[in-house]
Amino acid sequence: MTETTDDHLQELMTQCATNTPLGRLAGVEQRVVFRWLLDGGYMARTGKAMTRPRPHPHPIGSRSDGSPIYAPGADFTTHETIEMPATAGDV
């Protein structure tokens, strides 16, 4: 089995681990649990996109009135969308 980057599965693991005892397991152990659930038919991935919170950009300075100055092109989006890859078999 080849190990591939699957951000969708990683985000699913992160969101589940945040609110359950699954968070007590290491990332590799979480992946084994999810693989067992998927391979055994106990869980299925529907392909629904997931959202991951993004950090707010840090100001690089401030104006005389105290308002922040951000770097040109700073990304102010609050979340990013994580799509499930077309071939999610080798995770």
N, C-alpha and C. Protein backbone atom coordinates (compact mmCIF):
# COMPACT_ATOMS: atom_id res chain seq x y z
N MET A 1 0.85 -1.17 0.00
CA MET A 1 0.00 0.00 0.00
C MET A 1 0.90 1.24 0.00
N THR A 2 0.67 2.13 -0.94
CA THR A 2 1.46 3.35 -0.99
C THR A 2 0.78 4.42 -0.15
N GLU A 3 1.59 5.20 0.52
CA GLU A 3 1.09 6.27 1.38
C GLU A 3 0.94 7.53 0.52
N THR A 4 -0.26 8.08 0.45
CA THR A 4 -0.49 9.30 -0.31
C THR A 4 -1.04 10.37 0.62
N THR A 5 -0.88 11.61 0.20
CA THR A 5 -1.44 12.72 0.97
C THR A 5 -2.92 12.81 0.67
N ASP A 6 -3.72 12.73 1.71
CA ASP A 6 -5.16 12.84 1.56
C ASP A 6 -5.64 13.85 2.61
N ASP A 7 -5.67 15.11 2.22
CA ASP A 7 -6.05 16.18 3.15
C ASP A 7 -7.47 16.00 3.67
N HIS A 8 -8.36 15.43 2.83
CA HIS A 8 -9.74 15.22 3.22
C HIS A 8 -9.82 14.24 4.39
N LEU A 9 -9.10 13.11 4.29
CA LEU A 9 -9.08 12.13 5.37
C LEU A 9 -8.42 12.73 6.61
N GLN A 10 -7.36 13.49 6.42
CA GLN A 10 -6.68 14.11 7.56
C GLN A 10 -7.61 15.07 8.29
N GLU A 11 -8.38 15.86 7.54
CA GLU A 11 -9.32 16.79 8.17
C GLU A 11 -10.44 16.04 8.87
N LEU A 12 -10.93 14.93 8.30
CA LEU A 12 -11.93 14.11 8.95
C LEU A 12 -11.39 13.57 10.28
N MET A 13 -10.15 13.10 10.27
CA MET A 13 -9.53 12.59 11.49
C MET A 13 -9.40 13.70 12.53
N THR A 14 -8.98 14.88 12.10
CA THR A 14 -8.80 16.01 13.01
C THR A 14 -10.12 16.40 13.65
N GLN A 15 -11.19 16.50 12.85
CA GLN A 15 -12.47 16.92 13.40
C GLN A 15 -13.05 15.86 14.33
N CYS A 16 -12.85 14.60 14.05
CA CYS A 16 -13.33 13.54 14.94
C CYS A 16 -12.51 13.49 16.22
N ALA A 17 -11.22 13.67 16.11
CA ALA A 17 -10.33 13.57 17.27
C ALA A 17 -10.53 14.73 18.24
N THR A 18 -11.00 15.85 17.75
CA THR A 18 -11.16 17.03 18.59
C THR A 18 -12.20 16.80 19.68
N ASN A 19 -13.25 16.07 19.38
CA ASN A 19 -14.37 15.94 20.32
C ASN A 19 -14.57 14.52 20.85
N THR A 20 -13.63 13.62 20.65
CA THR A 20 -13.80 12.24 21.09
C THR A 20 -12.51 11.71 21.69
N PRO A 21 -12.56 10.54 22.35
CA PRO A 21 -11.33 9.91 22.87
C PRO A 21 -10.34 9.53 21.76
N LEU A 22 -10.76 9.59 20.50
CA LEU A 22 -9.85 9.32 19.40
C LEU A 22 -8.66 10.28 19.44
N GLY A 23 -8.87 11.44 20.05
CA GLY A 23 -7.82 12.44 20.18
C GLY A 23 -6.66 11.98 21.05
N ARG A 24 -6.86 10.94 21.82
CA ARG A 24 -5.79 10.41 22.66
C ARG A 24 -4.81 9.57 21.87
N LEU A 25 -5.17 9.19 20.66
CA LEU A 25 -4.30 8.36 19.83
C LEU A 25 -3.37 9.24 19.00
N ALA A 26 -2.21 8.70 18.66
CA ALA A 26 -1.29 9.38 17.75
C ALA A 26 -1.91 9.40 16.35
N GLY A 27 -1.42 10.30 15.50
CA GLY A 27 -1.95 10.42 14.14
C GLY A 27 -1.90 9.11 13.36
N VAL A 28 -0.81 8.37 13.50
CA VAL A 28 -0.67 7.10 12.79
C VAL A 28 -1.69 6.10 13.31
N GLU A 29 -1.91 6.09 14.62
CA GLU A 29 -2.91 5.18 15.20
C GLU A 29 -4.32 5.57 14.76
N GLN A 30 -4.60 6.86 14.66
CA GLN A 30 -5.90 7.31 14.17
C GLN A 30 -6.13 6.82 12.74
N ARG A 31 -5.08 6.89 11.91
CA ARG A 31 -5.20 6.44 10.52
C ARG A 31 -5.52 4.95 10.46
N VAL A 32 -4.92 4.16 11.34
CA VAL A 32 -5.19 2.71 11.39
C VAL A 32 -6.65 2.47 11.75
N VAL A 33 -7.16 3.23 12.73
CA VAL A 33 -8.56 3.08 13.14
C VAL A 33 -9.49 3.43 11.98
N PHE A 34 -9.23 4.55 11.33
CA PHE A 34 -10.08 4.96 10.21
C PHE A 34 -9.99 3.97 9.06
N ARG A 35 -8.80 3.45 8.78
CA ARG A 35 -8.64 2.47 7.71
C ARG A 35 -9.46 1.22 8.01
N TRP A 36 -9.44 0.77 9.29
CA TRP A 36 -10.20 -0.40 9.70
C TRP A 36 -11.70 -0.14 9.54
N LEU A 37 -12.16 1.05 9.95
CA LEU A 37 -13.58 1.39 9.81
C LEU A 37 -14.00 1.43 8.35
N LEU A 38 -13.16 2.00 7.50
CA LEU A 38 -13.48 2.09 6.07
C LEU A 38 -13.44 0.73 5.39
N ASP A 39 -12.36 -0.02 5.62
CA ASP A 39 -12.20 -1.33 4.97
C ASP A 39 -13.24 -2.33 5.44
N GLY A 40 -13.66 -2.24 6.70
CA GLY A 40 -14.65 -3.17 7.24
C GLY A 40 -16.08 -2.82 6.88
N GLY A 41 -16.28 -1.68 6.23
CA GLY A 41 -17.63 -1.28 5.84
C GLY A 41 -18.42 -0.63 6.96
N TYR A 42 -17.77 -0.30 8.07
CA TYR A 42 -18.46 0.33 9.19
C TYR A 42 -18.66 1.83 8.96
N MET A 43 -17.90 2.37 8.02
CA MET A 43 -17.96 3.79 7.72
C MET A 43 -17.69 3.95 6.23
N ALA A 44 -18.32 4.95 5.63
CA ALA A 44 -18.08 5.23 4.21
C ALA A 44 -17.83 6.72 4.05
N ARG A 45 -16.98 7.05 3.11
CA ARG A 45 -16.73 8.45 2.79
C ARG A 45 -17.60 8.84 1.61
N THR A 46 -18.41 9.87 1.80
CA THR A 46 -19.38 10.27 0.78
C THR A 46 -18.78 11.20 -0.26
N GLY A 47 -17.65 11.79 0.04
CA GLY A 47 -17.05 12.75 -0.88
C GLY A 47 -17.48 14.17 -0.61
N LYS A 48 -18.31 14.37 0.42
CA LYS A 48 -18.74 15.72 0.78
C LYS A 48 -17.51 16.54 1.18
N ALA A 49 -17.42 17.73 0.65
CA ALA A 49 -16.29 18.61 0.98
C ALA A 49 -16.34 18.99 2.45
N MET A 50 -15.16 19.13 3.05
CA MET A 50 -15.04 19.53 4.45
C MET A 50 -14.39 20.91 4.48
N THR A 51 -14.61 21.64 5.57
CA THR A 51 -13.98 22.94 5.71
C THR A 51 -13.01 22.90 6.88
N ARG A 52 -11.87 23.54 6.69
CA ARG A 52 -10.83 23.63 7.72
C ARG A 52 -10.65 25.10 8.06
N PRO A 53 -10.65 25.44 9.36
CA PRO A 53 -10.43 26.85 9.74
C PRO A 53 -9.03 27.31 9.32
N ARG A 54 -8.94 28.55 8.89
CA ARG A 54 -7.64 29.14 8.52
C ARG A 54 -7.23 30.16 9.57
N PRO A 55 -5.95 30.28 9.83
CA PRO A 55 -5.52 31.31 10.78
C PRO A 55 -5.68 32.71 10.18
N HIS A 56 -6.00 33.65 11.04
CA HIS A 56 -6.12 35.05 10.60
C HIS A 56 -4.71 35.59 10.34
N PRO A 57 -4.51 36.37 9.28
CA PRO A 57 -3.17 36.91 9.01
C PRO A 57 -2.72 37.86 10.13
N HIS A 58 -1.44 37.87 10.38
CA HIS A 58 -0.87 38.73 11.41
C HIS A 58 -0.51 40.09 10.82
N PRO A 59 -0.80 41.16 11.55
CA PRO A 59 -0.42 42.48 11.06
C PRO A 59 1.10 42.64 11.04
N ILE A 60 1.59 43.39 10.06
CA ILE A 60 3.03 43.63 9.98
C ILE A 60 3.39 44.99 10.56
N GLY A 61 2.37 45.73 10.96
CA GLY A 61 2.58 47.04 11.55
C GLY A 61 1.25 47.66 11.91
N SER A 62 1.30 48.92 12.31
CA SER A 62 0.04 49.61 12.61
C SER A 62 0.15 51.07 12.19
N ARG A 63 -0.99 51.64 11.87
CA ARG A 63 -1.05 53.05 11.47
C ARG A 63 -1.05 53.93 12.72
N SER A 64 -0.97 55.21 12.52
CA SER A 64 -0.92 56.14 13.65
C SER A 64 -2.21 56.10 14.49
N ASP A 65 -3.33 55.71 13.84
CA ASP A 65 -4.58 55.62 14.60
C ASP A 65 -4.75 54.27 15.29
N GLY A 66 -3.76 53.37 15.14
CA GLY A 66 -3.80 52.07 15.80
C GLY A 66 -4.37 50.95 14.96
N SER A 67 -4.87 51.27 13.76
CA SER A 67 -5.43 50.21 12.92
C SER A 67 -4.29 49.38 12.32
N PRO A 68 -4.51 48.08 12.16
CA PRO A 68 -3.43 47.20 11.70
C PRO A 68 -3.12 47.36 10.21
N ILE A 69 -1.88 47.07 9.86
CA ILE A 69 -1.43 47.03 8.47
C ILE A 69 -1.05 45.59 8.18
N TYR A 70 -1.63 45.04 7.11
CA TYR A 70 -1.36 43.66 6.71
C TYR A 70 -0.50 43.63 5.46
N ALA A 71 0.22 42.55 5.26
CA ALA A 71 1.05 42.39 4.07
C ALA A 71 0.17 42.41 2.82
N PRO A 72 0.71 42.93 1.71
CA PRO A 72 -0.06 42.92 0.46
C PRO A 72 -0.44 41.48 0.10
N GLY A 73 -1.68 41.29 -0.28
CA GLY A 73 -2.16 39.97 -0.67
C GLY A 73 -2.51 39.06 0.50
N ALA A 74 -2.63 39.63 1.70
CA ALA A 74 -3.00 38.82 2.87
C ALA A 74 -4.36 38.18 2.63
N ASP A 75 -4.49 36.90 3.00
CA ASP A 75 -5.71 36.14 2.77
C ASP A 75 -6.58 36.20 4.02
N PHE A 76 -7.75 36.82 3.93
CA PHE A 76 -8.64 36.98 5.07
C PHE A 76 -9.77 35.97 5.10
N THR A 77 -9.72 34.95 4.24
CA THR A 77 -10.78 33.94 4.27
C THR A 77 -10.70 33.18 5.59
N THR A 78 -11.86 32.84 6.14
CA THR A 78 -11.89 32.20 7.45
C THR A 78 -11.75 30.69 7.38
N HIS A 79 -12.10 30.08 6.23
CA HIS A 79 -12.04 28.63 6.09
C HIS A 79 -11.53 28.26 4.70
N GLU A 80 -10.95 27.07 4.58
CA GLU A 80 -10.59 26.55 3.28
C GLU A 80 -11.33 25.24 3.06
N THR A 81 -11.69 24.97 1.83
CA THR A 81 -12.44 23.76 1.49
C THR A 81 -11.47 22.64 1.17
N ILE A 82 -11.73 21.47 1.74
CA ILE A 82 -10.92 20.28 1.50
C ILE A 82 -11.79 19.28 0.74
N GLU A 83 -11.40 19.00 -0.49
CA GLU A 83 -12.14 18.06 -1.34
C GLU A 83 -11.54 16.66 -1.21
N MET A 84 -12.37 15.64 -1.27
CA MET A 84 -11.89 14.27 -1.25
C MET A 84 -11.29 13.97 -2.61
N PRO A 85 -10.10 13.38 -2.66
CA PRO A 85 -9.50 13.07 -3.96
C PRO A 85 -10.31 12.02 -4.71
N ALA A 86 -10.17 12.00 -6.04
CA ALA A 86 -10.92 11.06 -6.86
C ALA A 86 -10.57 9.62 -6.50
N THR A 87 -9.31 9.36 -6.19
CA THR A 87 -8.90 8.02 -5.78
C THR A 87 -8.42 8.11 -4.33
N ALA A 88 -9.31 7.75 -3.42
CA ALA A 88 -9.01 7.82 -1.99
C ALA A 88 -8.70 6.44 -1.43
N GLY A 89 -8.26 5.54 -2.27
CA GLY A 89 -8.02 4.17 -1.82
C GLY A 89 -6.77 3.96 -1.00
N ASP A 90 -5.65 4.57 -1.37
CA ASP A 90 -4.40 4.34 -0.68
C ASP A 90 -4.15 5.42 0.35
N VAL A 91 -4.76 5.27 1.51
CA VAL A 91 -4.56 6.27 2.57
C VAL A 91 -3.91 5.65 3.77
